[in-house]
């Protein structure tokens, strides 16, 4: 797990996608909360790393009603034609409607997306704390661990003190 220094966080770029319930989004402006935890995955096998964060993020979300969590499976534009098949497979694999609603698949040109967020590569998931203006407050890579989770909580509290 690595946490990135605040001066190298980048900006969340404007991208379009649809959640697994069919709702269209222009991100970051369409995030439902002012403050959002976003898990970006580039490869199917990274889902296990995304899942490692979910129990912790669920508990944080129960304490912080002003926070939303999103999964962003991020694929290249060339997969757009396969969107019904890919999204349909993900939809069938996720029985929880709330999780499907918070899973927004991006079919984009990944290089500018990675560049805007200053991501080295696609070899690990990236976890971001971001607002609807695209400001990135915190970023980490890889599986959940307690130390990194504590860092995220501190960043949430610094970005928006508890109500």
N, C-alpha and C. Protein backbone atom coordinates (compact mmCIF):
# COMPACT_ATOMS: atom_id res chain seq x y z
N UNK A 1 0.85 -1.17 0.00
CA UNK A 1 0.00 0.00 0.00
C UNK A 1 0.89 1.22 0.00
N UNK A 2 0.57 2.16 -0.85
CA UNK A 2 1.31 3.41 -0.82
C UNK A 2 0.34 4.58 -0.81
N UNK A 3 0.68 5.59 -0.04
CA UNK A 3 -0.09 6.82 0.03
C UNK A 3 0.73 7.88 -0.67
N UNK A 4 0.07 8.72 -1.45
CA UNK A 4 0.75 9.70 -2.28
C UNK A 4 0.77 11.06 -1.58
N UNK A 5 1.88 11.76 -1.68
CA UNK A 5 2.02 13.08 -1.08
C UNK A 5 0.99 14.04 -1.66
N UNK A 6 0.49 14.95 -0.83
CA UNK A 6 -0.61 15.84 -1.24
C UNK A 6 -0.28 16.72 -2.42
N UNK A 7 0.98 17.06 -2.64
CA UNK A 7 1.31 17.94 -3.75
C UNK A 7 1.36 17.22 -5.09
N UNK A 8 1.15 15.92 -5.10
CA UNK A 8 1.19 15.17 -6.35
C UNK A 8 -0.12 14.43 -6.62
N UNK A 9 -1.22 14.90 -6.08
CA UNK A 9 -2.48 14.17 -6.17
C UNK A 9 -3.17 14.28 -7.52
N UNK A 10 -2.94 15.32 -8.27
CA UNK A 10 -3.63 15.49 -9.54
C UNK A 10 -5.04 16.00 -9.34
N UNK A 11 -5.81 15.94 -10.41
CA UNK A 11 -7.22 16.38 -10.41
C UNK A 11 -8.06 15.31 -11.06
N UNK A 12 -9.27 15.13 -10.53
CA UNK A 12 -10.17 14.17 -11.14
C UNK A 12 -10.73 14.81 -12.41
N UNK A 13 -10.50 14.19 -13.57
CA UNK A 13 -10.93 14.80 -14.84
C UNK A 13 -12.41 14.59 -15.10
N UNK A 14 -12.95 15.35 -16.00
CA UNK A 14 -14.34 15.17 -16.41
C UNK A 14 -14.43 13.94 -17.31
N UNK A 15 -15.24 12.96 -16.89
CA UNK A 15 -15.45 11.73 -17.64
C UNK A 15 -16.93 11.36 -17.59
N UNK A 16 -17.37 10.61 -18.59
CA UNK A 16 -18.76 10.15 -18.63
C UNK A 16 -18.81 8.64 -18.47
N UNK A 17 -19.84 8.19 -17.78
CA UNK A 17 -20.04 6.76 -17.59
C UNK A 17 -21.46 6.50 -17.15
N UNK A 18 -21.79 5.22 -17.01
CA UNK A 18 -23.11 4.81 -16.54
C UNK A 18 -22.93 3.82 -15.41
N UNK A 19 -23.83 3.92 -14.42
CA UNK A 19 -23.77 2.92 -13.36
C UNK A 19 -24.45 1.64 -13.83
N UNK A 20 -24.40 0.61 -13.01
CA UNK A 20 -24.96 -0.69 -13.41
C UNK A 20 -26.47 -0.73 -13.32
N UNK A 21 -27.09 0.40 -12.98
CA UNK A 21 -28.54 0.53 -13.02
C UNK A 21 -28.97 1.33 -14.25
N UNK A 22 -28.00 1.75 -15.07
CA UNK A 22 -28.29 2.46 -16.31
C UNK A 22 -28.32 3.97 -16.21
N UNK A 23 -28.05 4.53 -15.04
CA UNK A 23 -28.05 5.98 -14.87
C UNK A 23 -26.74 6.56 -15.40
N UNK A 24 -26.84 7.63 -16.20
CA UNK A 24 -25.65 8.26 -16.78
C UNK A 24 -25.09 9.32 -15.84
N UNK A 25 -23.77 9.44 -15.85
CA UNK A 25 -23.06 10.39 -14.99
C UNK A 25 -22.01 11.13 -15.79
N UNK A 26 -21.83 12.40 -15.44
CA UNK A 26 -20.64 13.14 -15.83
C UNK A 26 -19.92 13.42 -14.52
N UNK A 27 -18.77 12.80 -14.38
CA UNK A 27 -18.02 12.91 -13.13
C UNK A 27 -16.90 13.93 -13.32
N UNK A 28 -16.56 14.61 -12.28
CA UNK A 28 -16.94 14.43 -10.88
C UNK A 28 -18.21 15.18 -10.47
N UNK A 29 -18.76 16.04 -11.33
CA UNK A 29 -19.88 16.90 -10.91
C UNK A 29 -21.14 16.12 -10.51
N UNK A 30 -21.32 14.91 -11.04
CA UNK A 30 -22.52 14.14 -10.71
C UNK A 30 -22.35 13.19 -9.53
N UNK A 31 -21.21 13.23 -8.86
CA UNK A 31 -21.12 12.46 -7.62
C UNK A 31 -22.23 12.96 -6.70
N UNK A 32 -22.84 12.05 -5.95
CA UNK A 32 -24.01 12.40 -5.14
C UNK A 32 -23.69 13.16 -3.87
N UNK A 33 -22.46 13.11 -3.43
CA UNK A 33 -22.07 13.81 -2.21
C UNK A 33 -20.97 14.82 -2.54
N UNK A 34 -20.82 15.79 -1.68
CA UNK A 34 -19.73 16.75 -1.88
C UNK A 34 -18.38 16.07 -1.69
N UNK A 35 -18.32 15.04 -0.85
CA UNK A 35 -17.09 14.31 -0.57
C UNK A 35 -17.32 12.83 -0.88
N UNK A 36 -16.41 12.23 -1.68
CA UNK A 36 -16.61 10.89 -2.19
C UNK A 36 -15.33 10.07 -2.14
N UNK A 37 -15.47 8.80 -1.77
CA UNK A 37 -14.35 7.87 -1.87
C UNK A 37 -14.57 7.11 -3.17
N UNK A 38 -13.55 7.14 -4.02
CA UNK A 38 -13.65 6.55 -5.35
C UNK A 38 -12.56 5.50 -5.50
N UNK A 39 -12.97 4.27 -5.83
CA UNK A 39 -12.01 3.19 -6.05
C UNK A 39 -11.93 2.92 -7.54
N UNK A 40 -10.77 3.17 -8.13
CA UNK A 40 -10.55 3.02 -9.56
C UNK A 40 -9.81 1.72 -9.79
N UNK A 41 -10.41 0.84 -10.59
CA UNK A 41 -9.78 -0.44 -10.94
C UNK A 41 -9.70 -0.54 -12.46
N UNK A 42 -8.59 -1.08 -12.95
CA UNK A 42 -8.37 -1.19 -14.39
C UNK A 42 -8.45 -2.63 -14.90
N UNK A 43 -8.38 -3.59 -14.00
CA UNK A 43 -8.35 -5.00 -14.39
C UNK A 43 -9.34 -5.80 -13.55
N UNK A 44 -9.93 -6.78 -14.18
CA UNK A 44 -10.93 -7.62 -13.51
C UNK A 44 -10.39 -8.24 -12.22
N UNK A 45 -9.14 -8.70 -12.26
CA UNK A 45 -8.57 -9.36 -11.09
C UNK A 45 -8.31 -8.40 -9.93
N UNK A 46 -8.44 -7.10 -10.15
CA UNK A 46 -8.26 -6.13 -9.08
C UNK A 46 -9.50 -6.02 -8.19
N UNK A 47 -10.58 -6.69 -8.55
CA UNK A 47 -11.80 -6.62 -7.75
C UNK A 47 -11.55 -7.10 -6.32
N UNK A 48 -10.66 -8.04 -6.14
CA UNK A 48 -10.36 -8.54 -4.79
C UNK A 48 -9.75 -7.42 -3.93
N UNK A 49 -8.95 -6.54 -4.55
CA UNK A 49 -8.39 -5.40 -3.82
C UNK A 49 -9.47 -4.37 -3.50
N UNK A 50 -10.37 -4.13 -4.46
CA UNK A 50 -11.50 -3.24 -4.21
C UNK A 50 -12.33 -3.79 -3.04
N UNK A 51 -12.63 -5.08 -3.09
CA UNK A 51 -13.44 -5.70 -2.04
C UNK A 51 -12.78 -5.62 -0.67
N UNK A 52 -11.44 -5.59 -0.63
CA UNK A 52 -10.74 -5.51 0.66
C UNK A 52 -11.07 -4.21 1.39
N UNK A 53 -11.44 -3.16 0.67
CA UNK A 53 -11.78 -1.87 1.26
C UNK A 53 -13.23 -1.80 1.75
N UNK A 54 -14.11 -2.62 1.22
CA UNK A 54 -15.54 -2.42 1.43
C UNK A 54 -16.02 -2.53 2.87
N UNK A 55 -15.61 -3.50 3.68
CA UNK A 55 -16.08 -3.51 5.08
C UNK A 55 -15.69 -2.23 5.83
N UNK A 56 -14.46 -1.79 5.63
CA UNK A 56 -14.00 -0.56 6.28
C UNK A 56 -14.80 0.64 5.78
N UNK A 57 -14.97 0.77 4.47
CA UNK A 57 -15.69 1.91 3.91
C UNK A 57 -17.16 1.90 4.32
N UNK A 58 -17.73 0.72 4.47
CA UNK A 58 -19.12 0.64 4.94
C UNK A 58 -19.22 1.19 6.36
N UNK A 59 -18.27 0.84 7.22
CA UNK A 59 -18.33 1.34 8.60
C UNK A 59 -18.09 2.84 8.64
N UNK A 60 -17.19 3.36 7.81
CA UNK A 60 -16.96 4.81 7.75
C UNK A 60 -18.23 5.50 7.25
N UNK A 61 -18.85 4.94 6.23
CA UNK A 61 -20.07 5.52 5.67
C UNK A 61 -21.23 5.55 6.65
N UNK A 62 -21.28 4.59 7.55
CA UNK A 62 -22.33 4.57 8.57
C UNK A 62 -22.15 5.71 9.57
N UNK A 63 -20.90 6.10 9.79
CA UNK A 63 -20.61 7.21 10.71
C UNK A 63 -20.64 8.57 10.01
N UNK A 64 -20.41 8.58 8.72
CA UNK A 64 -20.32 9.83 7.95
C UNK A 64 -21.37 9.80 6.83
N UNK A 65 -22.53 10.29 7.11
CA UNK A 65 -23.62 10.29 6.13
C UNK A 65 -23.36 11.25 4.96
N UNK A 66 -22.36 12.13 5.12
CA UNK A 66 -22.03 13.10 4.07
C UNK A 66 -20.98 12.56 3.10
N UNK A 67 -20.75 11.25 3.15
CA UNK A 67 -19.72 10.62 2.33
C UNK A 67 -20.34 9.52 1.47
N UNK A 68 -19.96 9.45 0.21
CA UNK A 68 -20.41 8.38 -0.69
C UNK A 68 -19.20 7.60 -1.18
N UNK A 69 -19.42 6.33 -1.49
CA UNK A 69 -18.37 5.46 -2.00
C UNK A 69 -18.78 4.98 -3.39
N UNK A 70 -17.84 5.04 -4.33
CA UNK A 70 -18.07 4.60 -5.71
C UNK A 70 -16.96 3.68 -6.17
N UNK A 71 -17.34 2.70 -6.96
CA UNK A 71 -16.39 1.85 -7.67
C UNK A 71 -16.40 2.29 -9.12
N UNK A 72 -15.21 2.49 -9.70
CA UNK A 72 -15.11 2.89 -11.10
C UNK A 72 -14.27 1.87 -11.88
N UNK A 73 -14.91 0.80 -12.37
CA UNK A 73 -14.18 -0.07 -13.30
C UNK A 73 -13.86 0.77 -14.55
N UNK A 74 -12.59 0.83 -14.91
CA UNK A 74 -12.15 1.73 -15.96
C UNK A 74 -11.54 0.94 -17.10
N UNK A 75 -12.23 1.00 -18.25
CA UNK A 75 -11.81 0.25 -19.43
C UNK A 75 -11.53 1.21 -20.58
N UNK A 76 -10.76 0.73 -21.54
CA UNK A 76 -10.46 1.53 -22.71
C UNK A 76 -11.66 1.70 -23.61
N UNK A 77 -11.64 2.74 -24.44
CA UNK A 77 -12.74 3.02 -25.37
C UNK A 77 -13.08 1.84 -26.28
N UNK A 78 -12.07 1.07 -26.63
CA UNK A 78 -12.30 -0.03 -27.57
C UNK A 78 -13.30 -1.06 -27.04
N UNK A 79 -13.52 -1.06 -25.74
CA UNK A 79 -14.47 -2.00 -25.14
C UNK A 79 -15.91 -1.47 -25.16
N UNK A 80 -16.12 -0.25 -25.63
CA UNK A 80 -17.46 0.35 -25.63
C UNK A 80 -18.49 -0.53 -26.33
N UNK A 81 -18.11 -1.14 -27.44
CA UNK A 81 -19.05 -1.99 -28.18
C UNK A 81 -19.47 -3.21 -27.36
N UNK A 82 -18.65 -3.59 -26.41
CA UNK A 82 -18.95 -4.74 -25.57
C UNK A 82 -19.63 -4.34 -24.27
N UNK A 83 -19.95 -3.05 -24.13
CA UNK A 83 -20.55 -2.53 -22.89
C UNK A 83 -21.76 -3.34 -22.41
N UNK A 84 -22.73 -3.67 -23.28
CA UNK A 84 -23.88 -4.44 -22.78
C UNK A 84 -23.46 -5.78 -22.17
N UNK A 85 -22.52 -6.43 -22.78
CA UNK A 85 -22.05 -7.73 -22.28
C UNK A 85 -21.27 -7.56 -20.98
N UNK A 86 -20.33 -6.61 -20.96
CA UNK A 86 -19.49 -6.40 -19.78
C UNK A 86 -20.33 -5.90 -18.60
N UNK A 87 -21.11 -4.83 -18.82
CA UNK A 87 -21.94 -4.29 -17.74
C UNK A 87 -22.99 -5.29 -17.30
N UNK A 88 -23.56 -6.03 -18.25
CA UNK A 88 -24.55 -7.04 -17.90
C UNK A 88 -23.97 -8.12 -17.01
N UNK A 89 -22.75 -8.55 -17.32
CA UNK A 89 -22.09 -9.55 -16.48
C UNK A 89 -21.84 -9.03 -15.08
N UNK A 90 -21.38 -7.78 -14.99
CA UNK A 90 -21.16 -7.19 -13.66
C UNK A 90 -22.49 -7.05 -12.92
N UNK A 91 -23.53 -6.60 -13.62
CA UNK A 91 -24.85 -6.40 -13.00
C UNK A 91 -25.36 -7.72 -12.41
N UNK A 92 -25.24 -8.81 -13.20
CA UNK A 92 -25.70 -10.11 -12.72
C UNK A 92 -24.88 -10.61 -11.54
N UNK A 93 -23.61 -10.20 -11.46
CA UNK A 93 -22.74 -10.65 -10.38
C UNK A 93 -22.88 -9.86 -9.09
N UNK A 94 -23.68 -8.78 -9.12
CA UNK A 94 -23.83 -7.92 -7.94
C UNK A 94 -25.31 -7.89 -7.55
N UNK A 95 -25.70 -8.66 -6.55
CA UNK A 95 -27.12 -8.73 -6.18
C UNK A 95 -27.65 -7.47 -5.49
N UNK A 96 -26.79 -6.69 -4.88
CA UNK A 96 -27.19 -5.51 -4.10
C UNK A 96 -27.39 -4.30 -5.02
N UNK A 97 -28.62 -3.78 -5.09
CA UNK A 97 -28.94 -2.63 -5.95
C UNK A 97 -28.13 -1.39 -5.59
N UNK A 98 -27.86 -1.18 -4.31
CA UNK A 98 -27.09 -0.01 -3.89
C UNK A 98 -25.66 -0.09 -4.41
N UNK A 99 -25.09 -1.28 -4.42
CA UNK A 99 -23.73 -1.46 -4.94
C UNK A 99 -23.74 -1.26 -6.46
N UNK A 100 -24.75 -1.79 -7.14
CA UNK A 100 -24.85 -1.57 -8.60
C UNK A 100 -24.97 -0.09 -8.91
N UNK A 101 -25.74 0.64 -8.11
CA UNK A 101 -25.92 2.08 -8.34
C UNK A 101 -24.62 2.86 -8.11
N UNK A 102 -23.75 2.34 -7.26
CA UNK A 102 -22.49 3.01 -6.94
C UNK A 102 -21.32 2.49 -7.78
N UNK A 103 -21.61 1.63 -8.75
CA UNK A 103 -20.58 1.11 -9.65
C UNK A 103 -20.79 1.76 -11.00
N UNK A 104 -19.87 2.66 -11.36
CA UNK A 104 -19.97 3.44 -12.59
C UNK A 104 -18.85 2.99 -13.52
N UNK A 105 -19.22 2.35 -14.61
CA UNK A 105 -18.21 1.86 -15.55
C UNK A 105 -17.81 2.97 -16.51
N UNK A 106 -16.50 3.16 -16.64
CA UNK A 106 -15.96 4.16 -17.55
C UNK A 106 -15.35 3.45 -18.76
N UNK A 107 -15.74 3.86 -19.94
CA UNK A 107 -15.14 3.39 -21.19
C UNK A 107 -14.51 4.62 -21.82
N UNK A 108 -13.24 4.82 -21.53
CA UNK A 108 -12.59 6.09 -21.83
C UNK A 108 -11.19 5.89 -22.42
N UNK A 109 -10.62 6.97 -22.87
CA UNK A 109 -9.21 7.00 -23.22
C UNK A 109 -8.47 7.07 -21.89
N UNK A 110 -7.86 5.98 -21.49
CA UNK A 110 -7.30 5.88 -20.14
C UNK A 110 -6.04 6.71 -19.93
N UNK A 111 -5.26 6.95 -20.96
CA UNK A 111 -4.00 7.68 -20.78
C UNK A 111 -4.22 9.09 -20.22
N UNK A 112 -5.12 9.91 -20.79
CA UNK A 112 -5.34 11.25 -20.20
C UNK A 112 -5.95 11.17 -18.80
N UNK A 113 -6.78 10.18 -18.56
CA UNK A 113 -7.38 9.97 -17.24
C UNK A 113 -6.28 9.71 -16.21
N UNK A 114 -5.40 8.76 -16.52
CA UNK A 114 -4.28 8.46 -15.62
C UNK A 114 -3.36 9.67 -15.45
N UNK A 115 -3.11 10.37 -16.53
CA UNK A 115 -2.24 11.54 -16.47
C UNK A 115 -2.82 12.62 -15.57
N UNK A 116 -4.11 12.88 -15.69
CA UNK A 116 -4.76 13.90 -14.86
C UNK A 116 -4.67 13.54 -13.38
N UNK A 117 -4.79 12.26 -13.07
CA UNK A 117 -4.71 11.80 -11.68
C UNK A 117 -3.29 11.46 -11.26
N UNK A 118 -2.36 11.59 -12.19
CA UNK A 118 -0.95 11.30 -11.94
C UNK A 118 -0.74 9.87 -11.47
N UNK A 119 -1.40 8.93 -12.16
CA UNK A 119 -1.24 7.51 -11.85
C UNK A 119 -0.10 6.95 -12.68
N UNK A 120 0.79 6.24 -12.04
CA UNK A 120 1.96 5.66 -12.74
C UNK A 120 1.56 4.65 -13.79
N UNK A 121 0.63 3.78 -13.44
CA UNK A 121 0.26 2.69 -14.33
C UNK A 121 -1.11 2.15 -13.92
N UNK A 122 -1.46 0.99 -14.42
CA UNK A 122 -2.76 0.38 -14.13
C UNK A 122 -2.61 -0.90 -13.34
N UNK A 123 -1.49 -1.09 -12.69
CA UNK A 123 -1.17 -2.36 -12.04
C UNK A 123 -1.79 -2.54 -10.66
N UNK A 124 -2.36 -1.48 -10.10
CA UNK A 124 -3.00 -1.59 -8.79
C UNK A 124 -4.20 -0.64 -8.76
N UNK A 125 -5.12 -0.90 -7.84
CA UNK A 125 -6.25 0.01 -7.72
C UNK A 125 -5.78 1.31 -7.10
N UNK A 126 -6.54 2.36 -7.35
CA UNK A 126 -6.29 3.65 -6.72
C UNK A 126 -7.54 4.04 -5.95
N UNK A 127 -7.35 4.49 -4.72
CA UNK A 127 -8.44 4.93 -3.85
C UNK A 127 -8.27 6.43 -3.67
N UNK A 128 -9.33 7.18 -3.98
CA UNK A 128 -9.28 8.64 -3.95
C UNK A 128 -10.34 9.20 -3.02
N UNK A 129 -10.04 10.31 -2.40
CA UNK A 129 -11.04 11.13 -1.72
C UNK A 129 -11.16 12.38 -2.57
N UNK A 130 -12.34 12.59 -3.15
CA UNK A 130 -12.51 13.63 -4.17
C UNK A 130 -13.84 14.36 -3.97
N UNK A 131 -13.87 15.63 -4.33
CA UNK A 131 -15.13 16.37 -4.27
C UNK A 131 -15.72 16.50 -5.68
N UNK A 132 -16.89 17.14 -5.76
CA UNK A 132 -17.58 17.27 -7.06
C UNK A 132 -16.90 18.25 -8.00
N UNK A 133 -15.92 18.99 -7.51
CA UNK A 133 -15.16 19.90 -8.38
C UNK A 133 -13.92 19.24 -8.95
N UNK A 134 -13.66 18.00 -8.54
CA UNK A 134 -12.50 17.27 -9.04
C UNK A 134 -11.26 17.41 -8.17
N UNK A 135 -11.39 18.10 -7.07
CA UNK A 135 -10.25 18.24 -6.17
C UNK A 135 -9.99 16.91 -5.46
N UNK A 136 -8.77 16.44 -5.53
CA UNK A 136 -8.38 15.20 -4.87
C UNK A 136 -7.70 15.57 -3.55
N UNK A 137 -8.29 15.11 -2.44
CA UNK A 137 -7.79 15.42 -1.10
C UNK A 137 -6.80 14.38 -0.60
N UNK A 138 -6.92 13.15 -1.11
CA UNK A 138 -6.12 12.04 -0.59
C UNK A 138 -6.12 10.95 -1.64
N UNK A 139 -5.04 10.19 -1.66
CA UNK A 139 -4.96 9.07 -2.61
C UNK A 139 -4.06 7.99 -2.05
N UNK A 140 -4.45 6.75 -2.30
CA UNK A 140 -3.63 5.58 -1.94
C UNK A 140 -3.79 4.55 -3.04
N UNK A 141 -2.91 3.58 -3.04
CA UNK A 141 -2.96 2.51 -4.03
C UNK A 141 -2.97 1.17 -3.32
N UNK A 142 -3.67 0.21 -3.89
CA UNK A 142 -3.62 -1.17 -3.42
C UNK A 142 -4.67 -1.54 -2.41
N UNK A 143 -4.44 -2.70 -1.81
CA UNK A 143 -5.38 -3.28 -0.85
C UNK A 143 -5.49 -2.43 0.42
N UNK A 144 -6.61 -2.63 1.11
CA UNK A 144 -6.83 -1.96 2.39
C UNK A 144 -5.87 -2.49 3.44
N UNK A 145 -5.39 -1.61 4.28
CA UNK A 145 -4.74 -1.98 5.54
C UNK A 145 -5.14 -0.90 6.56
N UNK A 146 -5.00 -1.22 7.84
CA UNK A 146 -5.48 -0.33 8.90
C UNK A 146 -4.82 1.04 8.88
N UNK A 147 -3.52 1.08 8.65
CA UNK A 147 -2.80 2.35 8.66
C UNK A 147 -3.31 3.27 7.54
N UNK A 148 -3.52 2.70 6.36
CA UNK A 148 -4.00 3.50 5.24
C UNK A 148 -5.44 3.93 5.47
N UNK A 149 -6.25 3.04 6.03
CA UNK A 149 -7.63 3.39 6.36
C UNK A 149 -7.69 4.55 7.35
N UNK A 150 -6.80 4.53 8.36
CA UNK A 150 -6.74 5.62 9.33
C UNK A 150 -6.36 6.93 8.65
N UNK A 151 -5.47 6.85 7.67
CA UNK A 151 -5.09 8.04 6.91
C UNK A 151 -6.26 8.61 6.13
N UNK A 152 -7.08 7.72 5.57
CA UNK A 152 -8.27 8.18 4.86
C UNK A 152 -9.24 8.89 5.80
N UNK A 153 -9.45 8.33 6.97
CA UNK A 153 -10.35 8.96 7.95
C UNK A 153 -9.84 10.35 8.34
N UNK A 154 -8.54 10.46 8.55
CA UNK A 154 -7.96 11.79 8.86
C UNK A 154 -8.21 12.76 7.72
N UNK A 155 -8.02 12.29 6.50
CA UNK A 155 -8.23 13.17 5.33
C UNK A 155 -9.70 13.58 5.22
N UNK A 156 -10.61 12.67 5.50
CA UNK A 156 -12.04 13.01 5.48
C UNK A 156 -12.34 14.09 6.52
N UNK A 157 -11.82 13.90 7.73
CA UNK A 157 -12.05 14.86 8.80
C UNK A 157 -11.44 16.22 8.48
N UNK A 158 -10.28 16.22 7.84
CA UNK A 158 -9.64 17.50 7.47
C UNK A 158 -10.40 18.20 6.34
N UNK A 159 -10.91 17.42 5.40
CA UNK A 159 -11.64 17.99 4.27
C UNK A 159 -13.02 18.49 4.70
N UNK A 160 -13.64 17.78 5.63
CA UNK A 160 -14.97 18.14 6.09
C UNK A 160 -15.17 17.61 7.49
N UNK A 161 -15.01 18.44 8.50
CA UNK A 161 -15.19 17.98 9.88
C UNK A 161 -16.58 17.35 10.07
N UNK A 162 -16.69 16.35 10.97
CA UNK A 162 -17.98 15.69 11.21
C UNK A 162 -19.07 16.71 11.57
N UNK A 163 -20.26 16.46 11.05
CA UNK A 163 -21.40 17.36 11.31
C UNK A 163 -21.92 17.19 12.72
